[in-house]
Amino acid sequence: MRALILALAVAIAAPAAQAQPKLKPELAGIGFLVGDWSSGAGKVADTGDTDRGGSKITIEADGGALLRQDHTETFDAHGKPTGAFHQIMLIYPEAGTLHADYSDGEGHVIHYVSAAVTPGRSVVFTGAAQPGAPQFRLAYDLKAPGELTVDFGMIPPGGGGVRPIASGVLKKAR
């Protein structure tokens, strides 16, 4: 009898422990990003290499932020591994827009200071403009249920349009 009561208590408590908090209204328009995503072969524009990996995007801080955690592996034109790296990005509302802070294991840091959102469909993050430095742009576009395109590029100092750095397609794993 004790085993039955214990089993029922665990069964009742388990869904509550796994429930994710609801996103705050400022983040609701980009809720489509939440989930486990995996990539096929992406293209690295600068080198012609390919990459593959995955992203896990979770709701954090009681619905007040999203956390993106990535693992990426890179390959040369012949498919030989050339490296791997991890990245994180915290997305949060501030001063009436979305901001994001990106960091990776190679010491790169990007502060995205604005975002253009088409609710439930796309978001384009734009990095801070600083004299003499490139301005970064990161775009997510939900092409179909469970399929997300990602484009990362930069605007060189002085302008001239967005120069692609990397792009790919993510498939929702769950």
C-alpha atoms as a PDB file:
ATOM      1  CA  MET A   1       0.000   0.000   0.000  1.00  0.00           C
ATOM      2  CA  ARG A   2       2.846   2.408   0.836  1.00  0.00           C
ATOM      3  CA  ALA A   3       4.391   1.712  -2.568  1.00  0.00           C
ATOM      4  CA  LEU A   4       1.102   2.586  -4.283  1.00  0.00           C
ATOM      5  CA  ILE A   5       0.769   5.843  -2.353  1.00  0.00           C
ATOM      6  CA  LEU A   6       4.386   6.727  -3.116  1.00  0.00           C
ATOM      7  CA  ALA A   7       3.916   5.926  -6.808  1.00  0.00           C
ATOM      8  CA  LEU A   8       0.795   8.121  -6.955  1.00  0.00           C
ATOM      9  CA  ALA A   9       2.570  10.976  -5.183  1.00  0.00           C
ATOM     10  CA  VAL A  10       5.465  10.806  -7.667  1.00  0.00           C
ATOM     11  CA  ALA A  11       3.082  10.638 -10.636  1.00  0.00           C
ATOM     12  CA  ILE A  12       1.163  13.693  -9.429  1.00  0.00           C
ATOM     13  CA  ALA A  13       4.298  15.697  -8.597  1.00  0.00           C
ATOM     14  CA  ALA A  14       6.247  14.873 -11.775  1.00  0.00           C
ATOM     15  CA  PRO A  15       4.161  16.961 -14.219  1.00  0.00           C
ATOM     16  CA  ALA A  16       4.275  19.936 -11.862  1.00  0.00           C
ATOM     17  CA  ALA A  17       8.049  19.712 -11.611  1.00  0.00           C
ATOM     18  CA  GLN A  18       8.402  19.572 -15.407  1.00  0.00           C
ATOM     19  CA  ALA A  19       5.996  22.413 -16.210  1.00  0.00           C
ATOM     20  CA  GLN A  20       7.742  25.397 -17.759  1.00  0.00           C
ATOM     21  CA  PRO A  21       6.755  28.857 -16.621  1.00  0.00           C
ATOM     22  CA  LYS A  22       4.716  30.979 -18.983  1.00  0.00           C
ATOM     23  CA  LEU A  23       6.657  33.634 -20.887  1.00  0.00           C
ATOM     24  CA  LYS A  24       6.212  37.250 -19.837  1.00  0.00           C
ATOM     25  CA  PRO A  25       4.207  39.254 -22.418  1.00  0.00           C
ATOM     26  CA  GLU A  26       7.345  41.002 -23.740  1.00  0.00           C
ATOM     27  CA  LEU A  27       8.776  37.608 -24.776  1.00  0.00           C
ATOM     28  CA  ALA A  28       5.573  35.899 -25.900  1.00  0.00           C
ATOM     29  CA  GLY A  29       6.111  36.846 -29.562  1.00  0.00           C
ATOM     30  CA  ILE A  30       9.314  34.802 -29.720  1.00  0.00           C
ATOM     31  CA  GLY A  31       8.015  31.781 -27.828  1.00  0.00           C
ATOM     32  CA  PHE A  32       8.379  29.810 -31.073  1.00  0.00           C
ATOM     33  CA  LEU A  33      12.123  29.637 -30.311  1.00  0.00           C
ATOM     34  CA  VAL A  34      11.636  27.467 -27.207  1.00  0.00           C
ATOM     35  CA  GLY A  35      12.664  23.848 -27.630  1.00  0.00           C
ATOM     36  CA  ASP A  36      15.463  21.498 -28.571  1.00  0.00           C
ATOM     37  CA  TRP A  37      16.688  22.155 -32.109  1.00  0.00           C
ATOM     38  CA  SER A  38      19.173  20.226 -34.233  1.00  0.00           C
ATOM     39  CA  SER A  39      20.855  21.299 -37.440  1.00  0.00           C
ATOM     40  CA  GLY A  40      21.788  19.576 -40.601  1.00  0.00           C
ATOM     41  CA  ALA A  41      24.777  20.935 -42.446  1.00  0.00           C
ATOM     42  CA  GLY A  42      25.056  24.711 -42.218  1.00  0.00           C
ATOM     43  CA  LYS A  43      27.433  26.837 -44.244  1.00  0.00           C
ATOM     44  CA  VAL A  44      30.199  29.069 -42.876  1.00  0.00           C
ATOM     45  CA  ALA A  45      30.423  31.881 -45.443  1.00  0.00           C
ATOM     46  CA  ASP A  46      33.945  33.075 -44.550  1.00  0.00           C
ATOM     47  CA  THR A  47      35.661  29.713 -44.967  1.00  0.00           C
ATOM     48  CA  GLY A  48      33.353  27.531 -47.039  1.00  0.00           C
ATOM     49  CA  ASP A  49      33.341  25.045 -44.167  1.00  0.00           C
ATOM     50  CA  THR A  50      30.192  23.370 -42.936  1.00  0.00           C
ATOM     51  CA  ASP A  51      28.853  23.082 -39.445  1.00  0.00           C
ATOM     52  CA  ARG A  52      26.274  21.105 -37.530  1.00  0.00           C
ATOM     53  CA  GLY A  53      25.039  21.045 -34.002  1.00  0.00           C
ATOM     54  CA  GLY A  54      22.087  21.988 -31.931  1.00  0.00           C
ATOM     55  CA  SER A  55      20.438  24.600 -29.800  1.00  0.00           C
ATOM     56  CA  LYS A  56      18.430  24.231 -26.651  1.00  0.00           C
ATOM     57  CA  ILE A  57      16.298  27.281 -25.894  1.00  0.00           C
ATOM     58  CA  THR A  58      14.599  27.304 -22.510  1.00  0.00           C
ATOM     59  CA  ILE A  59      12.359  29.600 -20.521  1.00  0.00           C
ATOM     60  CA  GLU A  60      14.234  30.968 -17.510  1.00  0.00           C
ATOM     61  CA  ALA A  61      13.837  33.502 -14.677  1.00  0.00           C
ATOM     62  CA  ASP A  62      10.145  32.716 -14.130  1.00  0.00           C
ATOM     63  CA  GLY A  63       9.311  33.514 -17.760  1.00  0.00           C
ATOM     64  CA  GLY A  64      11.347  36.719 -17.859  1.00  0.00           C
ATOM     65  CA  ALA A  65      14.157  35.451 -20.113  1.00  0.00           C
ATOM     66  CA  LEU A  66      15.095  32.838 -22.686  1.00  0.00           C
ATOM     67  CA  LEU A  67      18.423  31.025 -22.562  1.00  0.00           C
ATOM     68  CA  ARG A  68      19.951  29.629 -25.755  1.00  0.00           C
ATOM     69  CA  GLN A  69      22.684  27.010 -25.318  1.00  0.00           C
ATOM     70  CA  ASP A  70      24.448  25.709 -28.443  1.00  0.00           C
ATOM     71  CA  HIS A  71      26.990  23.097 -29.382  1.00  0.00           C
ATOM     72  CA  THR A  72      28.498  23.408 -32.861  1.00  0.00           C
ATOM     73  CA  GLU A  73      30.973  21.219 -34.723  1.00  0.00           C
ATOM     74  CA  THR A  74      32.781  22.489 -37.840  1.00  0.00           C
ATOM     75  CA  PHE A  75      34.089  20.550 -40.849  1.00  0.00           C
ATOM     76  CA  ASP A  76      36.295  21.457 -43.802  1.00  0.00           C
ATOM     77  CA  ALA A  77      35.242  21.079 -47.462  1.00  0.00           C
ATOM     78  CA  HIS A  78      36.206  17.371 -47.329  1.00  0.00           C
ATOM     79  CA  GLY A  79      34.138  16.644 -44.212  1.00  0.00           C
ATOM     80  CA  LYS A  80      37.125  16.470 -41.866  1.00  0.00           C
ATOM     81  CA  PRO A  81      36.395  17.854 -38.354  1.00  0.00           C
ATOM     82  CA  THR A  82      38.041  21.232 -37.754  1.00  0.00           C
ATOM     83  CA  GLY A  83      36.720  22.093 -34.313  1.00  0.00           C
ATOM     84  CA  ALA A  84      33.815  22.464 -31.944  1.00  0.00           C
ATOM     85  CA  PHE A  85      32.548  25.196 -29.666  1.00  0.00           C
ATOM     86  CA  HIS A  86      29.782  26.096 -27.242  1.00  0.00           C
ATOM     87  CA  GLN A  87      27.750  29.281 -27.102  1.00  0.00           C
ATOM     88  CA  ILE A  88      25.128  30.823 -24.869  1.00  0.00           C
ATOM     89  CA  MET A  89      22.770  33.741 -25.344  1.00  0.00           C
ATOM     90  CA  LEU A  90      20.438  35.274 -22.802  1.00  0.00           C
ATOM     91  CA  ILE A  91      17.389  37.026 -24.318  1.00  0.00           C
ATOM     92  CA  TYR A  92      15.459  39.459 -22.148  1.00  0.00           C
ATOM     93  CA  PRO A  93      13.212  42.533 -22.357  1.00  0.00           C
ATOM     94  CA  GLU A  94      14.653  45.916 -21.401  1.00  0.00           C
ATOM     95  CA  ALA A  95      13.519  49.485 -22.053  1.00  0.00           C
ATOM     96  CA  GLY A  96      10.698  48.486 -24.400  1.00  0.00           C
ATOM     97  CA  THR A  97      12.649  46.156 -26.685  1.00  0.00           C
ATOM     98  CA  LEU A  98      14.322  42.783 -26.555  1.00  0.00           C
ATOM     99  CA  HIS A  99      18.003  42.587 -25.808  1.00  0.00           C
ATOM    100  CA  ALA A 100      20.344  39.607 -25.925  1.00  0.00           C
ATOM    101  CA  ASP A 101      23.840  38.935 -24.691  1.00  0.00           C
ATOM    102  CA  TYR A 102      25.895  36.314 -26.519  1.00  0.00           C
ATOM    103  CA  SER A 103      29.105  34.641 -25.368  1.00  0.00           C
ATOM    104  CA  ASP A 104      31.175  31.698 -26.556  1.00  0.00           C
ATOM    105  CA  GLY A 105      34.213  29.732 -25.430  1.00  0.00           C
ATOM    106  CA  GLU A 106      36.479  31.648 -27.812  1.00  0.00           C
ATOM    107  CA  GLY A 107      35.939  34.934 -25.957  1.00  0.00           C
ATOM    108  CA  HIS A 108      33.463  36.506 -28.374  1.00  0.00           C
ATOM    109  CA  VAL A 109      30.781  38.685 -26.790  1.00  0.00           C
ATOM    110  CA  ILE A 110      27.955  40.399 -28.645  1.00  0.00           C
ATOM    111  CA  HIS A 111      25.431  42.752 -27.062  1.00  0.00           C
ATOM    112  CA  TYR A 112      22.251  42.840 -29.112  1.00  0.00           C
ATOM    113  CA  VAL A 113      20.421  46.052 -28.219  1.00  0.00           C
ATOM    114  CA  SER A 114      17.252  45.807 -30.284  1.00  0.00           C
ATOM    115  CA  ALA A 115      15.012  43.290 -31.970  1.00  0.00           C
ATOM    116  CA  ALA A 116      12.395  43.431 -34.698  1.00  0.00           C
ATOM    117  CA  VAL A 117       9.744  40.811 -33.951  1.00  0.00           C
ATOM    118  CA  THR A 118       6.995  39.377 -36.122  1.00  0.00           C
ATOM    119  CA  PRO A 119       5.104  37.546 -33.353  1.00  0.00           C
ATOM    120  CA  GLY A 120       5.140  33.780 -33.691  1.00  0.00           C
ATOM    121  CA  ARG A 121       7.161  33.963 -36.903  1.00  0.00           C
ATOM    122  CA  SER A 122      10.523  35.790 -36.781  1.00  0.00           C
ATOM    123  CA  VAL A 123      12.943  37.893 -34.794  1.00  0.00           C
ATOM    124  CA  VAL A 124      15.956  39.892 -35.964  1.00  0.00           C
ATOM    125  CA  PHE A 125      18.441  40.968 -33.289  1.00  0.00           C
ATOM    126  CA  THR A 126      20.745  43.902 -34.038  1.00  0.00           C
ATOM    127  CA  GLY A 127      23.980  44.508 -32.170  1.00  0.00           C
ATOM    128  CA  ALA A 128      25.177  47.781 -30.728  1.00  0.00           C
ATOM    129  CA  ALA A 129      26.801  50.148 -33.214  1.00  0.00           C
ATOM    130  CA  GLN A 130      30.283  51.223 -32.152  1.00  0.00           C
ATOM    131  CA  PRO A 131      32.666  53.456 -34.116  1.00  0.00           C
ATOM    132  CA  GLY A 132      35.149  51.423 -36.155  1.00  0.00           C
ATOM    133  CA  ALA A 133      33.553  48.084 -35.240  1.00  0.00           C
ATOM    134  CA  PRO A 134      31.171  45.848 -37.172  1.00  0.00           C
ATOM    135  CA  GLN A 135      27.516  45.695 -36.178  1.00  0.00           C
ATOM    136  CA  PHE A 136      26.151  42.153 -35.874  1.00  0.00           C
ATOM    137  CA  ARG A 137      22.754  40.862 -36.951  1.00  0.00           C
ATOM    138  CA  LEU A 138      21.101  37.562 -35.969  1.00  0.00           C
ATOM    139  CA  ALA A 139      17.834  36.481 -37.580  1.00  0.00           C
ATOM    140  CA  TYR A 140      15.504  33.582 -36.803  1.00  0.00           C
ATOM    141  CA  ASP A 141      12.617  32.815 -39.151  1.00  0.00           C
ATOM    142  CA  LEU A 142      10.067  30.038 -38.581  1.00  0.00           C
ATOM    143  CA  LYS A 143       9.640  28.671 -42.121  1.00  0.00           C
ATOM    144  CA  ALA A 144       7.318  25.799 -41.206  1.00  0.00           C
ATOM    145  CA  PRO A 145       6.217  24.170 -37.967  1.00  0.00           C
ATOM    146  CA  GLY A 146       9.382  22.727 -36.491  1.00  0.00           C
ATOM    147  CA  GLU A 147      11.735  24.358 -39.030  1.00  0.00           C
ATOM    148  CA  LEU A 148      13.724  27.454 -38.168  1.00  0.00           C
ATOM    149  CA  THR A 149      16.226  29.281 -40.369  1.00  0.00           C
ATOM    150  CA  VAL A 150      19.101  31.095 -38.698  1.00  0.00           C
ATOM    151  CA  ASP A 151      21.178  33.792 -40.394  1.00  0.00           C
ATOM    152  CA  PHE A 152      24.118  35.493 -38.712  1.00  0.00           C
ATOM    153  CA  GLY A 153      25.871  38.382 -40.392  1.00  0.00           C
ATOM    154  CA  MET A 154      27.626  41.665 -39.864  1.00  0.00           C
ATOM    155  CA  ILE A 155      27.466  45.173 -41.188  1.00  0.00           C
ATOM    156  CA  PRO A 156      31.050  46.382 -41.714  1.00  0.00           C
ATOM    157  CA  PRO A 157      32.168  49.692 -40.208  1.00  0.00           C
ATOM    158  CA  GLY A 158      30.846  52.451 -42.459  1.00  0.00           C
ATOM    159  CA  GLY A 159      27.868  50.401 -43.668  1.00  0.00           C
ATOM    160  CA  GLY A 160      27.508  48.583 -46.939  1.00  0.00           C
ATOM    161  CA  GLY A 161      24.777  46.080 -46.071  1.00  0.00           C
ATOM    162  CA  VAL A 162      24.746  42.819 -44.184  1.00  0.00           C
ATOM    163  CA  ARG A 163      27.633  40.452 -44.963  1.00  0.00           C
ATOM    164  CA  PRO A 164      26.672  36.804 -44.253  1.00  0.00           C
ATOM    165  CA  ILE A 165      28.843  34.914 -41.759  1.00  0.00           C
ATOM    166  CA  ALA A 166      26.868  31.713 -41.128  1.00  0.00           C
ATOM    167  CA  SER A 167      23.424  30.337 -41.887  1.00  0.00           C
ATOM    168  CA  GLY A 168      21.539  27.138 -41.381  1.00  0.00           C
ATOM    169  CA  VAL A 169      18.261  25.387 -40.753  1.00  0.00           C
ATOM    170  CA  LEU A 170      17.269  23.974 -37.394  1.00  0.00           C
ATOM    171  CA  LYS A 171      14.726  21.189 -36.992  1.00  0.00           C
ATOM    172  CA  LYS A 172      12.776  20.937 -33.773  1.00  0.00           C
ATOM    173  CA  ALA A 173      13.725  17.747 -31.964  1.00  0.00           C
ATOM    174  CA  ARG A 174      11.101  18.240 -29.252  1.00  0.00           C
END
